[in-house]
Amino acid sequence: MADNKHHSARSAQPAAAPRMYSPDLQPLLQSLLRTLADIDFEYERERDNISSRAMDMNLKIRMLEKLRQHHRERRGPYLQQLAILHERIHQFSR
């Protein structure tokens, strides 16, 4: 019974309005986020692949560190573009 009251109170609250971005910024934002997600997915897949291999632990550690470094390097330019875009969006919303 208490769960129903809690649920009713929660559903009575207005939903947050979706964020609206400038039409020229939204496709770029979506593209950047999609690219970062693809990079992250590939990194996780490779990390799992290396982690599951039967090999010398020191070699595995070196391979995982090299993979982590490559992942950071690949993400870097997209994160910079995302920061610039975030600033443009923030200026637009003022």
C-alpha atoms as a PDB file:
ATOM      1  CA  MET A   1       0.000   0.000   0.000  1.00  0.00           C
ATOM      2  CA  ALA A   2       2.809   2.421   0.895  1.00  0.00           C
ATOM      3  CA  ASP A   3       4.451   1.658  -2.459  1.00  0.00           C
ATOM      4  CA  ASN A   4       1.327   2.809  -4.304  1.00  0.00           C
ATOM      5  CA  LYS A   5       1.290   6.147  -2.483  1.00  0.00           C
ATOM      6  CA  HIS A   6       4.969   6.657  -3.235  1.00  0.00           C
ATOM      7  CA  HIS A   7       4.431   5.819  -6.898  1.00  0.00           C
ATOM      8  CA  SER A   8       1.438   8.163  -7.167  1.00  0.00           C
ATOM      9  CA  ALA A   9       3.354  11.044  -5.632  1.00  0.00           C
ATOM     10  CA  ARG A  10       6.242  10.488  -7.994  1.00  0.00           C
ATOM     11  CA  SER A  11       4.084  10.275 -11.107  1.00  0.00           C
ATOM     12  CA  ALA A  12       2.275  13.502 -10.160  1.00  0.00           C
ATOM     13  CA  GLN A  13       5.516  15.489 -10.591  1.00  0.00           C
ATOM     14  CA  PRO A  14       5.915  17.182 -13.974  1.00  0.00           C
ATOM     15  CA  ALA A  15       8.451  15.591 -16.296  1.00  0.00           C
ATOM     16  CA  ALA A  16      11.584  17.576 -17.060  1.00  0.00           C
ATOM     17  CA  ALA A  17      11.402  19.326 -20.409  1.00  0.00           C
ATOM     18  CA  PRO A  18      13.716  17.793 -23.026  1.00  0.00           C
ATOM     19  CA  ARG A  19      16.790  19.838 -23.845  1.00  0.00           C
ATOM     20  CA  MET A  20      16.543  21.696 -27.107  1.00  0.00           C
ATOM     21  CA  TYR A  21      19.695  22.696 -28.965  1.00  0.00           C
ATOM     22  CA  SER A  22      20.265  24.834 -31.988  1.00  0.00           C
ATOM     23  CA  PRO A  23      19.450  22.799 -35.121  1.00  0.00           C
ATOM     24  CA  ASP A  24      23.036  23.139 -36.349  1.00  0.00           C
ATOM     25  CA  LEU A  25      24.532  21.960 -33.043  1.00  0.00           C
ATOM     26  CA  GLN A  26      22.397  18.904 -32.296  1.00  0.00           C
ATOM     27  CA  PRO A  27      23.646  16.728 -35.201  1.00  0.00           C
ATOM     28  CA  LEU A  28      27.232  17.539 -34.273  1.00  0.00           C
ATOM     29  CA  LEU A  29      26.570  16.717 -30.621  1.00  0.00           C
ATOM     30  CA  GLN A  30      24.940  13.411 -31.560  1.00  0.00           C
ATOM     31  CA  SER A  31      27.803  12.545 -33.896  1.00  0.00           C
ATOM     32  CA  LEU A  32      30.444  13.262 -31.250  1.00  0.00           C
ATOM     33  CA  LEU A  33      28.615  11.230 -28.619  1.00  0.00           C
ATOM     34  CA  ARG A  34      28.100   8.338 -31.040  1.00  0.00           C
ATOM     35  CA  THR A  35      31.792   8.333 -31.967  1.00  0.00           C
ATOM     36  CA  LEU A  36      32.842   8.362 -28.317  1.00  0.00           C
ATOM     37  CA  ALA A  37      30.461   5.491 -27.585  1.00  0.00           C
ATOM     38  CA  ASP A  38      31.929   3.507 -30.493  1.00  0.00           C
ATOM     39  CA  ILE A  39      35.474   4.136 -29.255  1.00  0.00           C
ATOM     40  CA  ASP A  40      34.499   3.091 -25.728  1.00  0.00           C
ATOM     41  CA  PHE A  41      32.748  -0.048 -26.961  1.00  0.00           C
ATOM     42  CA  GLU A  42      35.762  -1.086 -29.025  1.00  0.00           C
ATOM     43  CA  TYR A  43      38.066  -0.433 -26.051  1.00  0.00           C
ATOM     44  CA  GLU A  44      35.935  -2.547 -23.714  1.00  0.00           C
ATOM     45  CA  ARG A  45      35.747  -5.371 -26.247  1.00  0.00           C
ATOM     46  CA  GLU A  46      39.535  -5.385 -26.712  1.00  0.00           C
ATOM     47  CA  ARG A  47      40.127  -5.093 -22.956  1.00  0.00           C
ATOM     48  CA  ASP A  48      37.893  -8.089 -22.310  1.00  0.00           C
ATOM     49  CA  ASN A  49      39.634 -10.008 -25.080  1.00  0.00           C
ATOM     50  CA  ILE A  50      43.090  -9.341 -23.608  1.00  0.00           C
ATOM     51  CA  SER A  51      41.920 -10.004 -20.046  1.00  0.00           C
ATOM     52  CA  SER A  52      40.504 -13.400 -20.984  1.00  0.00           C
ATOM     53  CA  ARG A  53      43.657 -14.616 -22.730  1.00  0.00           C
ATOM     54  CA  ALA A  54      45.936 -17.129 -21.078  1.00  0.00           C
ATOM     55  CA  MET A  55      49.315 -15.370 -21.140  1.00  0.00           C
ATOM     56  CA  ASP A  56      52.080 -14.076 -18.943  1.00  0.00           C
ATOM     57  CA  MET A  57      50.610 -11.616 -16.426  1.00  0.00           C
ATOM     58  CA  ASN A  58      53.341  -9.009 -17.042  1.00  0.00           C
ATOM     59  CA  LEU A  59      52.655  -9.106 -20.777  1.00  0.00           C
ATOM     60  CA  LYS A  60      48.915  -8.836 -20.150  1.00  0.00           C
ATOM     61  CA  ILE A  61      49.435  -5.795 -17.908  1.00  0.00           C
ATOM     62  CA  ARG A  62      51.622  -4.106 -20.543  1.00  0.00           C
ATOM     63  CA  MET A  63      49.085  -4.835 -23.284  1.00  0.00           C
ATOM     64  CA  LEU A  64      46.224  -3.469 -21.179  1.00  0.00           C
ATOM     65  CA  GLU A  65      48.188  -0.307 -20.356  1.00  0.00           C
ATOM     66  CA  LYS A  66      49.025   0.216 -24.037  1.00  0.00           C
ATOM     67  CA  LEU A  67      45.357  -0.299 -24.900  1.00  0.00           C
ATOM     68  CA  ARG A  68      44.312   2.238 -22.206  1.00  0.00           C
ATOM     69  CA  GLN A  69      46.793   4.782 -23.557  1.00  0.00           C
ATOM     70  CA  HIS A  70      45.568   4.272 -27.120  1.00  0.00           C
ATOM     71  CA  HIS A  71      41.967   4.643 -25.908  1.00  0.00           C
ATOM     72  CA  ARG A  72      42.752   7.972 -24.198  1.00  0.00           C
ATOM     73  CA  GLU A  73      44.577   9.225 -27.295  1.00  0.00           C
ATOM     74  CA  ARG A  74      41.674   8.312 -29.578  1.00  0.00           C
ATOM     75  CA  ARG A  75      39.100   9.959 -27.297  1.00  0.00           C
ATOM     76  CA  GLY A  76      41.103  13.154 -26.750  1.00  0.00           C
ATOM     77  CA  PRO A  77      40.209  15.085 -29.922  1.00  0.00           C
ATOM     78  CA  TYR A  78      36.519  14.202 -29.597  1.00  0.00           C
ATOM     79  CA  LEU A  79      36.454  15.295 -25.956  1.00  0.00           C
ATOM     80  CA  GLN A  80      38.036  18.603 -26.991  1.00  0.00           C
ATOM     81  CA  GLN A  81      35.391  19.087 -29.677  1.00  0.00           C
ATOM     82  CA  LEU A  82      32.696  18.195 -27.161  1.00  0.00           C
ATOM     83  CA  ALA A  83      34.035  20.797 -24.701  1.00  0.00           C
ATOM     84  CA  ILE A  84      33.974  23.454 -27.436  1.00  0.00           C
ATOM     85  CA  LEU A  85      30.467  22.457 -28.417  1.00  0.00           C
ATOM     86  CA  HIS A  86      29.376  22.505 -24.773  1.00  0.00           C
ATOM     87  CA  GLU A  87      30.644  26.079 -24.488  1.00  0.00           C
ATOM     88  CA  ARG A  88      28.760  27.076 -27.656  1.00  0.00           C
ATOM     89  CA  ILE A  89      25.578  25.497 -26.301  1.00  0.00           C
ATOM     90  CA  HIS A  90      26.049  27.276 -22.978  1.00  0.00           C
ATOM     91  CA  GLN A  91      26.496  30.628 -24.765  1.00  0.00           C
ATOM     92  CA  PHE A  92      23.438  29.923 -26.922  1.00  0.00           C
ATOM     93  CA  SER A  93      21.252  29.248 -23.887  1.00  0.00           C
ATOM     94  CA  ARG A  94      22.031  32.552 -22.175  1.00  0.00           C
END
